[in-house]
Amino acid sequence: MVDVTDERSIAARIRAGQQSFSFEFFPPKDDEGEKVLWQSISELEPLKPTFVSVTYGAGGQTRDRTVAITGRIASETSLLPMAHLTCVGHTSDEVRSILADLTDAGVRNVLALRGDPPAGPGTPWVGTEGGVDYASDLVALIKETVGSCVGVAAFPEGHRDAPTLDDDAKALRAKYDAGAEFAITEMVLRASDYFGLVERAQDHGVDFPILPGIMPILNYNSMQRMVELSGREIPDEVRARLEPLRDDPAALRAEGIRIATELCQDLLAGGAPGLHFYTLNRSKATREIFAALRLGD
């Protein structure tokens, strides 16, 4: 049961009634990237997001940076941080150690993910001896170890490894049963896919909030690669608007912002509890969409 009075709980904030708006960052690889990240955080903080999240590199490669960044956000800003955590490359004891580090850093919210297979998306899953193989098991481990508020991933078109959409919904139900309190989707490409996911989740008895993930198309080739990694395709109606602009980066970027803004409007109008922006550690596009939606009014 979510304690709706706990201001440190993301689930409580989402369930409080107001639309949730959140931003996602990733740990930078070098000092220059670190400067860009903190500049973006400082530019987005005035928008007063419900929370911000920090991703976790494949195989735990960014473990220390994830802990350090979320801890610094918790101690030096007004933002509520959430750390991502995956099953990949960690024993259960190592996960408990990471959770202890996060708790010591003041981080009380965790996004529990299975993570991509060590060899990359679409390859067979290889577990870690002494670890867990499913996000639902990771959720249970987090809840029994530190009792943090736990979010999970959801997939508008189904996870690429799920045989059917029904199997995908059953996997989401397993995370819910393990103690997950909300979900964030991978990037939504069509509003109808998001609403289909919500309906399937409800049909399987999952009643936690599901936040749609938003990533504007600012570079066509980069987005094409990201979509392919998740086993999907850019919708035909989106291609039709962007293909003629592939040789005009500025025009393509502007159209990508318009498409993302329209998608956000459709999602909110249809009842989505909020929006989760994948910022790629840059604030400008997110701030433009935010302004177009008049979210700060």
C-alpha atoms as a PDB file:
ATOM      1  CA  MET A   1       0.000   0.000   0.000  1.00  0.00           C
ATOM      2  CA  VAL A   2       1.443   3.379  -0.982  1.00  0.00           C
ATOM      3  CA  ASP A   3       1.743   5.953   1.781  1.00  0.00           C
ATOM      4  CA  VAL A   4       0.456   9.006  -0.091  1.00  0.00           C
ATOM      5  CA  THR A   5       1.833  11.296   2.638  1.00  0.00           C
ATOM      6  CA  ASP A   6       5.472  10.234   2.101  1.00  0.00           C
ATOM      7  CA  GLU A   7       7.056  13.042   0.079  1.00  0.00           C
ATOM      8  CA  ARG A   8      10.204  10.962  -0.474  1.00  0.00           C
ATOM      9  CA  SER A   9       8.223   8.290  -2.337  1.00  0.00           C
ATOM     10  CA  ILE A  10       7.847   8.743  -6.091  1.00  0.00           C
ATOM     11  CA  ALA A  11       4.775   6.510  -6.083  1.00  0.00           C
ATOM     12  CA  ALA A  12       3.173   8.731  -3.451  1.00  0.00           C
ATOM     13  CA  ARG A  13       3.904  11.831  -5.473  1.00  0.00           C
ATOM     14  CA  ILE A  14       2.424  10.307  -8.632  1.00  0.00           C
ATOM     15  CA  ARG A  15      -0.690   9.183  -6.786  1.00  0.00           C
ATOM     16  CA  ALA A  16      -1.151  12.589  -5.124  1.00  0.00           C
ATOM     17  CA  GLY A  17      -3.361  13.673  -8.026  1.00  0.00           C
ATOM     18  CA  GLN A  18      -1.306  16.197 -10.003  1.00  0.00           C
ATOM     19  CA  GLN A  19       0.252  15.203 -13.307  1.00  0.00           C
ATOM     20  CA  SER A  20       3.794  13.925 -12.874  1.00  0.00           C
ATOM     21  CA  PHE A  21       6.679  15.254 -14.973  1.00  0.00           C
ATOM     22  CA  SER A  22      10.121  13.722 -14.659  1.00  0.00           C
ATOM     23  CA  PHE A  23      13.518  13.717 -16.352  1.00  0.00           C
ATOM     24  CA  GLU A  24      16.063  10.968 -16.945  1.00  0.00           C
ATOM     25  CA  PHE A  25      19.850  11.335 -17.079  1.00  0.00           C
ATOM     26  CA  PHE A  26      22.743   8.939 -17.585  1.00  0.00           C
ATOM     27  CA  PRO A  27      26.163   8.884 -15.865  1.00  0.00           C
ATOM     28  CA  PRO A  28      28.681  10.686 -18.112  1.00  0.00           C
ATOM     29  CA  LYS A  29      31.930   9.024 -19.156  1.00  0.00           C
ATOM     30  CA  ASP A  30      34.281  11.973 -18.614  1.00  0.00           C
ATOM     31  CA  ASP A  31      34.679  15.355 -16.945  1.00  0.00           C
ATOM     32  CA  GLU A  32      33.284  17.266 -19.933  1.00  0.00           C
ATOM     33  CA  GLY A  33      30.180  15.081 -19.895  1.00  0.00           C
ATOM     34  CA  GLU A  34      29.887  15.687 -16.163  1.00  0.00           C
ATOM     35  CA  LYS A  35      29.822  19.446 -16.758  1.00  0.00           C
ATOM     36  CA  VAL A  36      27.089  19.066 -19.400  1.00  0.00           C
ATOM     37  CA  LEU A  37      25.029  16.879 -17.055  1.00  0.00           C
ATOM     38  CA  TRP A  38      25.109  19.306 -14.141  1.00  0.00           C
ATOM     39  CA  GLN A  39      24.392  22.242 -16.419  1.00  0.00           C
ATOM     40  CA  SER A  40      21.302  20.413 -17.688  1.00  0.00           C
ATOM     41  CA  ILE A  41      20.226  19.562 -14.144  1.00  0.00           C
ATOM     42  CA  SER A  42      20.546  23.213 -13.119  1.00  0.00           C
ATOM     43  CA  GLU A  43      18.486  24.306 -16.153  1.00  0.00           C
ATOM     44  CA  LEU A  44      15.740  21.741 -15.520  1.00  0.00           C
ATOM     45  CA  GLU A  45      15.520  22.129 -11.726  1.00  0.00           C
ATOM     46  CA  PRO A  46      13.417  25.340 -11.954  1.00  0.00           C
ATOM     47  CA  LEU A  47      10.729  23.330 -13.777  1.00  0.00           C
ATOM     48  CA  LYS A  48      10.168  21.495 -10.463  1.00  0.00           C
ATOM     49  CA  PRO A  49       9.870  17.941 -11.793  1.00  0.00           C
ATOM     50  CA  THR A  50       8.193  15.286  -9.683  1.00  0.00           C
ATOM     51  CA  PHE A  51      11.459  13.334  -9.728  1.00  0.00           C
ATOM     52  CA  VAL A  52      14.575  12.681 -11.792  1.00  0.00           C
ATOM     53  CA  SER A  53      16.226   9.354 -12.547  1.00  0.00           C
ATOM     54  CA  VAL A  54      19.795   8.260 -13.265  1.00  0.00           C
ATOM     55  CA  THR A  55      20.446   5.202 -15.432  1.00  0.00           C
ATOM     56  CA  TYR A  56      22.760   2.277 -14.780  1.00  0.00           C
ATOM     57  CA  GLY A  57      25.317   1.104 -17.338  1.00  0.00           C
ATOM     58  CA  ALA A  58      25.348  -2.384 -18.815  1.00  0.00           C
ATOM     59  CA  GLY A  59      26.925  -4.858 -16.435  1.00  0.00           C
ATOM     60  CA  GLY A  60      27.042  -2.285 -13.668  1.00  0.00           C
ATOM     61  CA  GLN A  61      29.762  -0.301 -15.453  1.00  0.00           C
ATOM     62  CA  THR A  62      28.530   2.990 -14.021  1.00  0.00           C
ATOM     63  CA  ARG A  63      27.655   1.712 -10.535  1.00  0.00           C
ATOM     64  CA  ASP A  64      29.808   4.226  -8.643  1.00  0.00           C
ATOM     65  CA  ARG A  65      28.816   7.151 -10.856  1.00  0.00           C
ATOM     66  CA  THR A  66      25.117   6.304 -10.541  1.00  0.00           C
ATOM     67  CA  VAL A  67      25.383   6.241  -6.749  1.00  0.00           C
ATOM     68  CA  ALA A  68      27.480   9.426  -6.683  1.00  0.00           C
ATOM     69  CA  ILE A  69      25.186  11.392  -9.012  1.00  0.00           C
ATOM     70  CA  THR A  70      21.935  10.382  -7.303  1.00  0.00           C
ATOM     71  CA  GLY A  71      23.496  11.086  -3.922  1.00  0.00           C
ATOM     72  CA  ARG A  72      24.638  14.521  -5.025  1.00  0.00           C
ATOM     73  CA  ILE A  73      21.201  15.296  -6.451  1.00  0.00           C
ATOM     74  CA  ALA A  74      19.675  14.252  -3.122  1.00  0.00           C
ATOM     75  CA  SER A  75      22.026  16.412  -1.056  1.00  0.00           C
ATOM     76  CA  GLU A  76      22.677  19.460  -3.255  1.00  0.00           C
ATOM     77  CA  THR A  77      19.431  20.096  -5.151  1.00  0.00           C
ATOM     78  CA  SER A  78      15.718  20.319  -4.486  1.00  0.00           C
ATOM     79  CA  LEU A  79      15.112  17.332  -6.777  1.00  0.00           C
ATOM     80  CA  LEU A  80      13.972  13.856  -5.736  1.00  0.00           C
ATOM     81  CA  PRO A  81      16.339  11.307  -7.346  1.00  0.00           C
ATOM     82  CA  MET A  82      15.779   7.701  -8.364  1.00  0.00           C
ATOM     83  CA  ALA A  83      18.624   5.309  -9.174  1.00  0.00           C
ATOM     84  CA  HIS A  84      18.312   2.592 -11.806  1.00  0.00           C
ATOM     85  CA  LEU A  85      19.527  -0.888 -10.876  1.00  0.00           C
ATOM     86  CA  THR A  86      19.816  -4.003 -13.069  1.00  0.00           C
ATOM     87  CA  CYS A  87      20.266  -7.732 -12.574  1.00  0.00           C
ATOM     88  CA  VAL A  88      23.175  -7.863 -15.020  1.00  0.00           C
ATOM     89  CA  GLY A  89      26.581  -8.804 -13.650  1.00  0.00           C
ATOM     90  CA  HIS A  90      25.704  -8.720  -9.953  1.00  0.00           C
ATOM     91  CA  THR A  91      25.199 -11.352  -7.292  1.00  0.00           C
ATOM     92  CA  SER A  92      22.399 -10.779  -4.792  1.00  0.00           C
ATOM     93  CA  ASP A  93      24.974  -9.811  -2.166  1.00  0.00           C
ATOM     94  CA  GLU A  94      26.417  -7.201  -4.525  1.00  0.00           C
ATOM     95  CA  VAL A  95      22.930  -5.825  -5.109  1.00  0.00           C
ATOM     96  CA  ARG A  96      22.458  -5.536  -1.351  1.00  0.00           C
ATOM     97  CA  SER A  97      25.749  -3.648  -1.122  1.00  0.00           C
ATOM     98  CA  ILE A  98      24.658  -1.231  -3.847  1.00  0.00           C
ATOM     99  CA  LEU A  99      21.351  -0.687  -2.081  1.00  0.00           C
ATOM    100  CA  ALA A 100      23.216   0.091   1.144  1.00  0.00           C
ATOM    101  CA  ASP A 101      25.339   2.660  -0.711  1.00  0.00           C
ATOM    102  CA  LEU A 102      22.230   4.271  -2.204  1.00  0.00           C
ATOM    103  CA  THR A 103      20.514   4.413   1.181  1.00  0.00           C
ATOM    104  CA  ASP A 104      23.597   5.989   2.755  1.00  0.00           C
ATOM    105  CA  ALA A 105      23.557   8.559  -0.056  1.00  0.00           C
ATOM    106  CA  GLY A 106      19.957   9.485   0.749  1.00  0.00           C
ATOM    107  CA  VAL A 107      18.388   7.755  -2.259  1.00  0.00           C
ATOM    108  CA  ARG A 108      15.045   6.134  -1.373  1.00  0.00           C
ATOM    109  CA  ASN A 109      13.679   5.316  -4.839  1.00  0.00           C
ATOM    110  CA  VAL A 110      14.960   2.625  -7.226  1.00  0.00           C
ATOM    111  CA  LEU A 111      13.987   1.584 -10.759  1.00  0.00           C
ATOM    112  CA  ALA A 112      14.410  -2.207 -10.899  1.00  0.00           C
ATOM    113  CA  LEU A 113      15.347  -3.568 -14.327  1.00  0.00           C
ATOM    114  CA  ARG A 114      16.454  -6.928 -15.642  1.00  0.00           C
ATOM    115  CA  GLY A 115      18.732  -5.111 -18.058  1.00  0.00           C
ATOM    116  CA  ASP A 116      19.906  -6.109 -21.512  1.00  0.00           C
ATOM    117  CA  PRO A 117      21.732  -9.435 -21.923  1.00  0.00           C
ATOM    118  CA  PRO A 118      25.516  -9.069 -21.545  1.00  0.00           C
ATOM    119  CA  ALA A 119      25.976  -9.550 -25.317  1.00  0.00           C
ATOM    120  CA  GLY A 120      23.390  -6.885 -26.147  1.00  0.00           C
ATOM    121  CA  PRO A 121      19.668  -6.581 -26.951  1.00  0.00           C
ATOM    122  CA  GLY A 122      18.195  -9.532 -28.830  1.00  0.00           C
ATOM    123  CA  THR A 123      20.838 -12.019 -27.654  1.00  0.00           C
ATOM    124  CA  PRO A 124      20.110 -14.879 -25.229  1.00  0.00           C
ATOM    125  CA  TRP A 125      19.891 -13.946 -21.565  1.00  0.00           C
ATOM    126  CA  VAL A 126      22.833 -15.120 -19.473  1.00  0.00           C
ATOM    127  CA  GLY A 127      22.350 -14.797 -15.732  1.00  0.00           C
ATOM    128  CA  THR A 128      24.955 -14.196 -13.044  1.00  0.00           C
ATOM    129  CA  GLU A 129      25.664 -17.050 -10.664  1.00  0.00           C
ATOM    130  CA  GLY A 130      24.346 -16.064  -7.268  1.00  0.00           C
ATOM    131  CA  GLY A 131      22.189 -13.327  -8.746  1.00  0.00           C
ATOM    132  CA  VAL A 132      18.605 -13.017 -10.004  1.00  0.00           C
ATOM    133  CA  ASP A 133      17.321 -13.380 -13.559  1.00  0.00           C
ATOM    134  CA  TYR A 134      14.064 -11.418 -13.545  1.00  0.00           C
ATOM    135  CA  ALA A 135      13.096  -7.853 -12.711  1.00  0.00           C
ATOM    136  CA  SER A 136      10.348  -9.218 -10.457  1.00  0.00           C
ATOM    137  CA  ASP A 137      12.973 -11.025  -8.370  1.00  0.00           C
ATOM    138  CA  LEU A 138      15.034  -7.833  -8.189  1.00  0.00           C
ATOM    139  CA  VAL A 139      11.966  -5.926  -6.994  1.00  0.00           C
ATOM    140  CA  ALA A 140      11.443  -8.466  -4.203  1.00  0.00           C
ATOM    141  CA  LEU A 141      15.140  -8.297  -3.244  1.00  0.00           C
ATOM    142  CA  ILE A 142      15.026  -4.488  -3.012  1.00  0.00           C
ATOM    143  CA  LYS A 143      11.837  -4.491  -0.953  1.00  0.00           C
ATOM    144  CA  GLU A 144      13.145  -7.043   1.534  1.00  0.00           C
ATOM    145  CA  THR A 145      16.572  -5.390   1.797  1.00  0.00           C
ATOM    146  CA  VAL A 146      15.833  -1.665   2.148  1.00  0.00           C
ATOM    147  CA  GLY A 147      12.094  -1.195   1.576  1.00  0.00           C
ATOM    148  CA  SER A 148      12.651   1.592  -0.963  1.00  0.00           C
ATOM    149  CA  CYS A 149       9.923   2.732  -3.311  1.00  0.00           C
ATOM    150  CA  VAL A 150      10.438   0.618  -6.432  1.00  0.00           C
ATOM    151  CA  GLY A 151       9.503   1.395 -10.020  1.00  0.00           C
ATOM    152  CA  VAL A 152       9.827  -0.911 -13.022  1.00  0.00           C
ATOM    153  CA  ALA A 153       9.915  -0.785 -16.813  1.00  0.00           C
ATOM    154  CA  ALA A 154       6.901  -1.344 -19.075  1.00  0.00           C
ATOM    155  CA  PHE A 155       6.750  -1.783 -22.834  1.00  0.00           C
ATOM    156  CA  PRO A 156       4.060  -0.167 -25.042  1.00  0.00           C
ATOM    157  CA  GLU A 157       4.598  -2.695 -27.845  1.00  0.00           C
ATOM    158  CA  GLY A 158       5.709  -5.537 -25.592  1.00  0.00           C
ATOM    159  CA  HIS A 159       9.253  -6.422 -24.576  1.00  0.00           C
ATOM    160  CA  ARG A 160      11.260  -7.766 -27.505  1.00  0.00           C
ATOM    161  CA  ASP A 161      11.809 -11.052 -25.613  1.00  0.00           C
ATOM    162  CA  ALA A 162       8.126 -11.581 -24.764  1.00  0.00           C
ATOM    163  CA  PRO A 163       6.453 -14.132 -27.105  1.00  0.00           C
ATOM    164  CA  THR A 164       3.107 -12.282 -26.970  1.00  0.00           C
ATOM    165  CA  LEU A 165       1.621  -9.102 -25.554  1.00  0.00           C
ATOM    166  CA  ASP A 166      -0.222 -11.252 -23.031  1.00  0.00           C
ATOM    167  CA  ASP A 167       3.076 -12.741 -21.845  1.00  0.00           C
ATOM    168  CA  ASP A 168       4.450  -9.227 -21.531  1.00  0.00           C
ATOM    169  CA  ALA A 169       1.466  -8.204 -19.391  1.00  0.00           C
ATOM    170  CA  LYS A 170       1.963 -11.265 -17.178  1.00  0.00           C
ATOM    171  CA  ALA A 171       5.581 -10.216 -16.626  1.00  0.00           C
ATOM    172  CA  LEU A 172       4.382  -6.758 -15.561  1.00  0.00           C
ATOM    173  CA  ARG A 173       1.926  -8.409 -13.168  1.00  0.00           C
ATOM    174  CA  ALA A 174       4.802 -10.406 -11.636  1.00  0.00           C
ATOM    175  CA  LYS A 175       6.663  -7.159 -10.932  1.00  0.00           C
ATOM    176  CA  TYR A 176       3.497  -5.692  -9.419  1.00  0.00           C
ATOM    177  CA  ASP A 177       3.021  -8.730  -7.189  1.00  0.00           C
ATOM    178  CA  ALA A 178       6.651  -8.478  -6.059  1.00  0.00           C
ATOM    179  CA  GLY A 179       6.040  -4.971  -4.723  1.00  0.00           C
ATOM    180  CA  ALA A 180       6.573  -2.535  -7.601  1.00  0.00           C
ATOM    181  CA  GLU A 181       4.610   0.683  -7.108  1.00  0.00           C
ATOM    182  CA  PHE A 182       4.744   2.350 -10.533  1.00  0.00           C
ATOM    183  CA  ALA A 183       6.161   1.823 -14.023  1.00  0.00           C
ATOM    184  CA  ILE A 184       7.895   3.894 -16.682  1.00  0.00           C
ATOM    185  CA  THR A 185       7.653   2.845 -20.309  1.00  0.00           C
ATOM    186  CA  GLU A 186      10.400   2.709 -22.876  1.00  0.00           C
ATOM    187  CA  MET A 187       9.976   5.538 -25.361  1.00  0.00           C
ATOM    188  CA  VAL A 188       6.420   5.733 -26.658  1.00  0.00           C
ATOM    189  CA  LEU A 189       6.159   5.996 -30.444  1.00  0.00           C
ATOM    190  CA  ARG A 190       2.334   6.082 -30.691  1.00  0.00           C
ATOM    191  CA  ALA A 191      -0.195   7.146 -28.076  1.00  0.00           C
ATOM    192  CA  SER A 192      -2.394   4.165 -28.979  1.00  0.00           C
ATOM    193  CA  ASP A 193       0.427   1.766 -28.019  1.00  0.00           C
ATOM    194  CA  TYR A 194       0.653   3.342 -24.575  1.00  0.00           C
ATOM    195  CA  PHE A 195      -3.092   3.143 -23.981  1.00  0.00           C
ATOM    196  CA  GLY A 196      -3.093  -0.470 -25.170  1.00  0.00           C
ATOM    197  CA  LEU A 197      -0.421  -1.253 -22.575  1.00  0.00           C
ATOM    198  CA  VAL A 198      -2.444   0.402 -19.813  1.00  0.00           C
ATOM    199  CA  GLU A 199      -5.529  -1.596 -20.802  1.00  0.00           C
ATOM    200  CA  ARG A 200      -3.608  -4.889 -20.817  1.00  0.00           C
ATOM    201  CA  ALA A 201      -2.104  -4.076 -17.431  1.00  0.00           C
ATOM    202  CA  GLN A 202      -5.528  -3.352 -15.959  1.00  0.00           C
ATOM    203  CA  ASP A 203      -6.926  -6.564 -17.463  1.00  0.00           C
ATOM    204  CA  HIS A 204      -4.193  -8.427 -15.545  1.00  0.00           C
ATOM    205  CA  GLY A 205      -4.988  -6.665 -12.278  1.00  0.00           C
ATOM    206  CA  VAL A 206      -2.136  -4.153 -12.332  1.00  0.00           C
ATOM    207  CA  ASP A 207      -3.400  -0.857 -10.950  1.00  0.00           C
ATOM    208  CA  PHE A 208      -0.213   1.131 -10.355  1.00  0.00           C
ATOM    209  CA  PRO A 209       0.516   4.315 -12.359  1.00  0.00           C
ATOM    210  CA  ILE A 210       2.306   3.848 -15.694  1.00  0.00           C
ATOM    211  CA  LEU A 211       4.264   6.862 -16.937  1.00  0.00           C
ATOM    212  CA  PRO A 212       4.897   7.113 -20.695  1.00  0.00           C
ATOM    213  CA  GLY A 213       8.520   7.677 -21.707  1.00  0.00           C
ATOM    214  CA  ILE A 214       9.137  10.541 -24.153  1.00  0.00           C
ATOM    215  CA  MET A 215      12.137  11.051 -26.449  1.00  0.00           C
ATOM    216  CA  PRO A 216      11.881  13.597 -29.272  1.00  0.00           C
ATOM    217  CA  ILE A 217      13.450  12.645 -32.600  1.00  0.00           C
ATOM    218  CA  LEU A 218      16.271  15.153 -33.001  1.00  0.00           C
ATOM    219  CA  ASN A 219      18.502  12.975 -35.192  1.00  0.00           C
ATOM    220  CA  TYR A 220      16.800  10.532 -37.541  1.00  0.00           C
ATOM    221  CA  ASN A 221      19.602   7.973 -37.817  1.00  0.00           C
ATOM    222  CA  SER A 222      20.217   7.892 -34.071  1.00  0.00           C
ATOM    223  CA  MET A 223      16.540   7.339 -33.352  1.00  0.00           C
ATOM    224  CA  GLN A 224      16.372   4.627 -36.012  1.00  0.00           C
ATOM    225  CA  ARG A 225      19.165   2.730 -34.258  1.00  0.00           C
ATOM    226  CA  MET A 226      17.545   3.084 -30.829  1.00  0.00           C
ATOM    227  CA  VAL A 227      14.176   1.885 -32.106  1.00  0.00           C
ATOM    228  CA  GLU A 228      15.778  -1.122 -33.795  1.00  0.00           C
ATOM    229  CA  LEU A 229      17.525  -2.093 -30.543  1.00  0.00           C
ATOM    230  CA  SER A 230      14.124  -2.406 -28.894  1.00  0.00           C
ATOM    231  CA  GLY A 231      12.837  -4.562 -31.762  1.00  0.00           C
ATOM    232  CA  ARG A 232      10.450  -1.946 -33.120  1.00  0.00           C
ATOM    233  CA  GLU A 233      10.018   0.388 -36.080  1.00  0.00           C
ATOM    234  CA  ILE A 234       9.422   4.111 -36.386  1.00  0.00           C
ATOM    235  CA  PRO A 235       5.690   4.496 -37.204  1.00  0.00           C
ATOM    236  CA  ASP A 236       4.868   5.146 -40.841  1.00  0.00           C
ATOM    237  CA  GLU A 237       3.061   8.384 -40.002  1.00  0.00           C
ATOM    238  CA  VAL A 238       6.186   9.688 -38.262  1.00  0.00           C
ATOM    239  CA  ARG A 239       8.467   8.607 -41.110  1.00  0.00           C
ATOM    240  CA  ALA A 240       6.250  10.448 -43.572  1.00  0.00           C
ATOM    241  CA  ARG A 241       6.826  13.711 -41.699  1.00  0.00           C
ATOM    242  CA  LEU A 242      10.561  13.277 -41.132  1.00  0.00           C
ATOM    243  CA  GLU A 243      11.892  11.556 -44.261  1.00  0.00           C
ATOM    244  CA  PRO A 244      11.632  14.699 -46.435  1.00  0.00           C
ATOM    245  CA  LEU A 245      13.715  16.593 -43.852  1.00  0.00           C
ATOM    246  CA  ARG A 246      16.642  14.181 -43.461  1.00  0.00           C
ATOM    247  CA  ASP A 247      19.009  16.556 -45.285  1.00  0.00           C
ATOM    248  CA  ASP A 248      17.931  19.571 -43.217  1.00  0.00           C
ATOM    249  CA  PRO A 249      18.973  18.951 -39.576  1.00  0.00           C
ATOM    250  CA  ALA A 250      17.377  22.129 -38.217  1.00  0.00           C
ATOM    251  CA  ALA A 251      14.037  21.482 -39.900  1.00  0.00           C
ATOM    252  CA  LEU A 252      14.076  17.824 -38.848  1.00  0.00           C
ATOM    253  CA  ARG A 253      14.792  18.794 -35.248  1.00  0.00           C
ATOM    254  CA  ALA A 254      11.922  21.312 -35.236  1.00  0.00           C
ATOM    255  CA  GLU A 255       9.533  18.732 -36.682  1.00  0.00           C
ATOM    256  CA  GLY A 256      10.739  16.156 -34.137  1.00  0.00           C
ATOM    257  CA  ILE A 257       9.879  18.593 -31.334  1.00  0.00           C
ATOM    258  CA  ARG A 258       6.428  19.162 -32.848  1.00  0.00           C
ATOM    259  CA  ILE A 259       5.782  15.424 -33.128  1.00  0.00           C
ATOM    260  CA  ALA A 260       6.841  14.856 -29.513  1.00  0.00           C
ATOM    261  CA  THR A 261       4.689  17.753 -28.311  1.00  0.00           C
ATOM    262  CA  GLU A 262       1.634  16.389 -30.137  1.00  0.00           C
ATOM    263  CA  LEU A 263       2.300  12.940 -28.669  1.00  0.00           C
ATOM    264  CA  CYS A 264       2.496  14.398 -25.163  1.00  0.00           C
ATOM    265  CA  GLN A 265      -0.761  16.278 -25.686  1.00  0.00           C
ATOM    266  CA  ASP A 266      -2.508  13.091 -26.813  1.00  0.00           C
ATOM    267  CA  LEU A 267      -1.143  11.113 -23.867  1.00  0.00           C
ATOM    268  CA  LEU A 268      -2.189  13.669 -21.256  1.00  0.00           C
ATOM    269  CA  ALA A 269      -5.603  14.175 -22.873  1.00  0.00           C
ATOM    270  CA  GLY A 270      -6.139  10.413 -22.767  1.00  0.00           C
ATOM    271  CA  GLY A 271      -5.449  10.192 -19.046  1.00  0.00           C
ATOM    272  CA  ALA A 272      -1.726   9.443 -18.704  1.00  0.00           C
ATOM    273  CA  PRO A 273      -0.661  10.328 -15.133  1.00  0.00           C
ATOM    274  CA  GLY A 274       2.315  12.281 -16.408  1.00  0.00           C
ATOM    275  CA  LEU A 275       5.335  12.223 -18.709  1.00  0.00           C
ATOM    276  CA  HIS A 276       8.902  10.934 -18.274  1.00  0.00           C
ATOM    277  CA  PHE A 277      11.421  12.692 -20.543  1.00  0.00           C
ATOM    278  CA  TYR A 278      14.553  10.910 -21.746  1.00  0.00           C
ATOM    279  CA  THR A 279      16.850  13.948 -21.841  1.00  0.00           C
ATOM    280  CA  LEU A 280      20.120  12.344 -23.057  1.00  0.00           C
ATOM    281  CA  ASN A 281      21.696  14.777 -20.560  1.00  0.00           C
ATOM    282  CA  ARG A 282      20.618  17.798 -22.604  1.00  0.00           C
ATOM    283  CA  SER A 283      17.941  20.199 -21.424  1.00  0.00           C
ATOM    284  CA  LYS A 284      17.063  22.288 -24.488  1.00  0.00           C
ATOM    285  CA  ALA A 285      14.624  19.948 -26.276  1.00  0.00           C
ATOM    286  CA  THR A 286      12.903  19.019 -23.024  1.00  0.00           C
ATOM    287  CA  ARG A 287      12.491  22.675 -22.086  1.00  0.00           C
ATOM    288  CA  GLU A 288      11.062  23.444 -25.550  1.00  0.00           C
ATOM    289  CA  ILE A 289       8.455  20.686 -25.244  1.00  0.00           C
ATOM    290  CA  PHE A 290       7.709  21.745 -21.678  1.00  0.00           C
ATOM    291  CA  ALA A 291       7.078  25.311 -22.867  1.00  0.00           C
ATOM    292  CA  ALA A 292       4.955  24.200 -25.839  1.00  0.00           C
ATOM    293  CA  LEU A 293       2.763  22.149 -23.505  1.00  0.00           C
ATOM    294  CA  ARG A 294       2.555  25.119 -21.116  1.00  0.00           C
ATOM    295  CA  LEU A 295       3.389  22.773 -18.261  1.00  0.00           C
ATOM    296  CA  GLY A 296       4.892  25.541 -16.165  1.00  0.00           C
ATOM    297  CA  ASP A 297       1.745  27.735 -16.268  1.00  0.00           C
END
